[in-house]
C-alpha atoms as a PDB file:
ATOM      1  CA  MET A   1       0.000   0.000   0.000  1.00  0.00           C
ATOM      2  CA  GLU A   2       1.196   3.450  -0.772  1.00  0.00           C
ATOM      3  CA  ARG A   3       2.647   5.043   2.355  1.00  0.00           C
ATOM      4  CA  GLY A   4       0.449   8.132   1.975  1.00  0.00           C
ATOM      5  CA  ARG A   5      -2.753   6.087   1.930  1.00  0.00           C
ATOM      6  CA  LEU A   6      -1.696   4.111   4.986  1.00  0.00           C
ATOM      7  CA  SER A   7      -0.890   7.357   6.794  1.00  0.00           C
ATOM      8  CA  ALA A   8      -4.301   8.728   5.862  1.00  0.00           C
ATOM      9  CA  LEU A   9      -6.021   5.611   7.214  1.00  0.00           C
ATOM     10  CA  LEU A  10      -4.119   5.871  10.479  1.00  0.00           C
ATOM     11  CA  ARG A  11      -4.911   9.585  10.789  1.00  0.00           C
ATOM     12  CA  ASP A  12      -8.610   8.736  10.465  1.00  0.00           C
ATOM     13  CA  LEU A  13      -8.442   6.595  13.613  1.00  0.00           C
ATOM     14  CA  THR A  14      -9.589   8.089  16.868  1.00  0.00           C
ATOM     15  CA  GLN A  15      -6.739   9.136  19.149  1.00  0.00           C
ATOM     16  CA  PRO A  16      -7.401   6.286  21.637  1.00  0.00           C
ATOM     17  CA  ASP A  17      -7.462   3.693  18.825  1.00  0.00           C
ATOM     18  CA  ARG A  18      -4.288   5.108  17.304  1.00  0.00           C
ATOM     19  CA  VAL A  19      -2.547   4.905  20.696  1.00  0.00           C
ATOM     20  CA  LEU A  20      -3.645   1.281  21.191  1.00  0.00           C
ATOM     21  CA  LEU A  21      -2.399   0.314  17.754  1.00  0.00           C
ATOM     22  CA  GLU A  22       0.902   2.076  18.401  1.00  0.00           C
ATOM     23  CA  TRP A  23       1.396   0.408  21.792  1.00  0.00           C
ATOM     24  CA  ARG A  24       0.715  -3.022  20.311  1.00  0.00           C
ATOM     25  CA  THR A  25       2.369  -2.899  16.890  1.00  0.00           C
ATOM     26  CA  VAL A  26       5.078  -0.257  17.243  1.00  0.00           C
ATOM     27  CA  ASP A  27       6.074  -0.513  20.898  1.00  0.00           C
ATOM     28  CA  GLY A  28       5.437  -4.264  21.079  1.00  0.00           C
ATOM     29  CA  TRP A  29       3.438  -4.194  24.317  1.00  0.00           C
ATOM     30  CA  ASP A  30       1.539  -7.393  25.037  1.00  0.00           C
ATOM     31  CA  TYR A  31      -2.212  -7.402  25.611  1.00  0.00           C
ATOM     32  CA  ALA A  32      -1.861  -7.964  29.365  1.00  0.00           C
ATOM     33  CA  THR A  33       0.332  -4.875  29.760  1.00  0.00           C
ATOM     34  CA  ILE A  34      -1.976  -2.662  27.724  1.00  0.00           C
ATOM     35  CA  ALA A  35      -5.085  -3.945  29.517  1.00  0.00           C
ATOM     36  CA  PHE A  36      -3.442  -3.304  32.886  1.00  0.00           C
ATOM     37  CA  GLN A  37      -2.395   0.187  31.798  1.00  0.00           C
ATOM     38  CA  LEU A  38      -5.982   0.978  30.764  1.00  0.00           C
ATOM     39  CA  GLY A  39      -7.638  -0.836  33.658  1.00  0.00           C
ATOM     40  CA  ILE A  40      -9.803  -2.979  31.394  1.00  0.00           C
ATOM     41  CA  PRO A  41     -10.184  -6.748  30.974  1.00  0.00           C
ATOM     42  CA  ARG A  42      -7.748  -8.319  28.505  1.00  0.00           C
ATOM     43  CA  ALA A  43     -10.627  -9.895  26.561  1.00  0.00           C
ATOM     44  CA  ASP A  44     -12.187  -6.461  25.972  1.00  0.00           C
ATOM     45  CA  LEU A  45      -8.875  -5.157  24.685  1.00  0.00           C
ATOM     46  CA  VAL A  46      -8.459  -8.093  22.296  1.00  0.00           C
ATOM     47  CA  LYS A  47     -11.945  -7.452  20.876  1.00  0.00           C
ATOM     48  CA  ARG A  48     -11.206  -3.753  20.472  1.00  0.00           C
ATOM     49  CA  MET A  49      -7.894  -4.404  18.711  1.00  0.00           C
ATOM     50  CA  HIS A  50      -9.613  -6.886  16.406  1.00  0.00           C
ATOM     51  CA  ARG A  51     -12.217  -4.234  15.539  1.00  0.00           C
ATOM     52  CA  ILE A  52      -9.529  -1.623  14.857  1.00  0.00           C
ATOM     53  CA  ARG A  53      -7.604  -3.934  12.519  1.00  0.00           C
ATOM     54  CA  THR A  54     -10.746  -5.169  10.775  1.00  0.00           C
ATOM     55  CA  ASP A  55     -11.879  -1.588  10.153  1.00  0.00           C
ATOM     56  CA  LEU A  56      -8.446  -0.644   8.782  1.00  0.00           C
ATOM     57  CA  ARG A  57      -8.407  -3.637   6.430  1.00  0.00           C
ATOM     58  CA  ARG A  58     -11.944  -2.866   5.215  1.00  0.00           C
ATOM     59  CA  LYS A  59     -11.073   0.769   4.530  1.00  0.00           C
ATOM     60  CA  ALA A  60      -7.829  -0.217   2.796  1.00  0.00           C
ATOM     61  CA  ARG A  61      -9.674  -2.669   0.530  1.00  0.00           C
ATOM     62  CA  ALA A  62     -12.115   0.101  -0.363  1.00  0.00           C
ATOM     63  CA  LEU A  63      -9.090   2.108  -1.501  1.00  0.00           C
ATOM     64  CA  GLY A  64      -7.871  -0.844  -3.544  1.00  0.00           C
ATOM     65  CA  ALA A  65      -5.032  -1.876  -1.256  1.00  0.00           C
ATOM     66  CA  ASP A  66      -4.310  -4.738   1.102  1.00  0.00           C
ATOM     67  CA  ILE A  67      -2.605  -3.943   4.407  1.00  0.00           C
ATOM     68  CA  ALA A  68      -3.076  -7.381   5.927  1.00  0.00           C
ATOM     69  CA  ALA A  69       0.645  -8.064   5.775  1.00  0.00           C
ATOM     70  CA  THR A  70       1.395  -4.955   7.828  1.00  0.00           C
ATOM     71  CA  MET A  71      -1.194  -5.693  10.523  1.00  0.00           C
ATOM     72  CA  THR A  72       0.332  -8.317  12.784  1.00  0.00           C
ATOM     73  CA  VAL A  73      -1.456  -9.880  15.722  1.00  0.00           C
END
């Protein structure tokens, strides 16, 4: 995917979703650490991260790109 389109998709995320994605994929925090930091159950965090990634993939496909390879679990 073109870097500009990926940047645009990430900018469209809400600030809290962008922070979660950054903590998980950029900083490498595990789900337990993030859930503890936020004071929420781990299962809720996993669901939220799944929703964020699914939404990003859907929007990327609508733009004619596939970012699945860049979205690691």
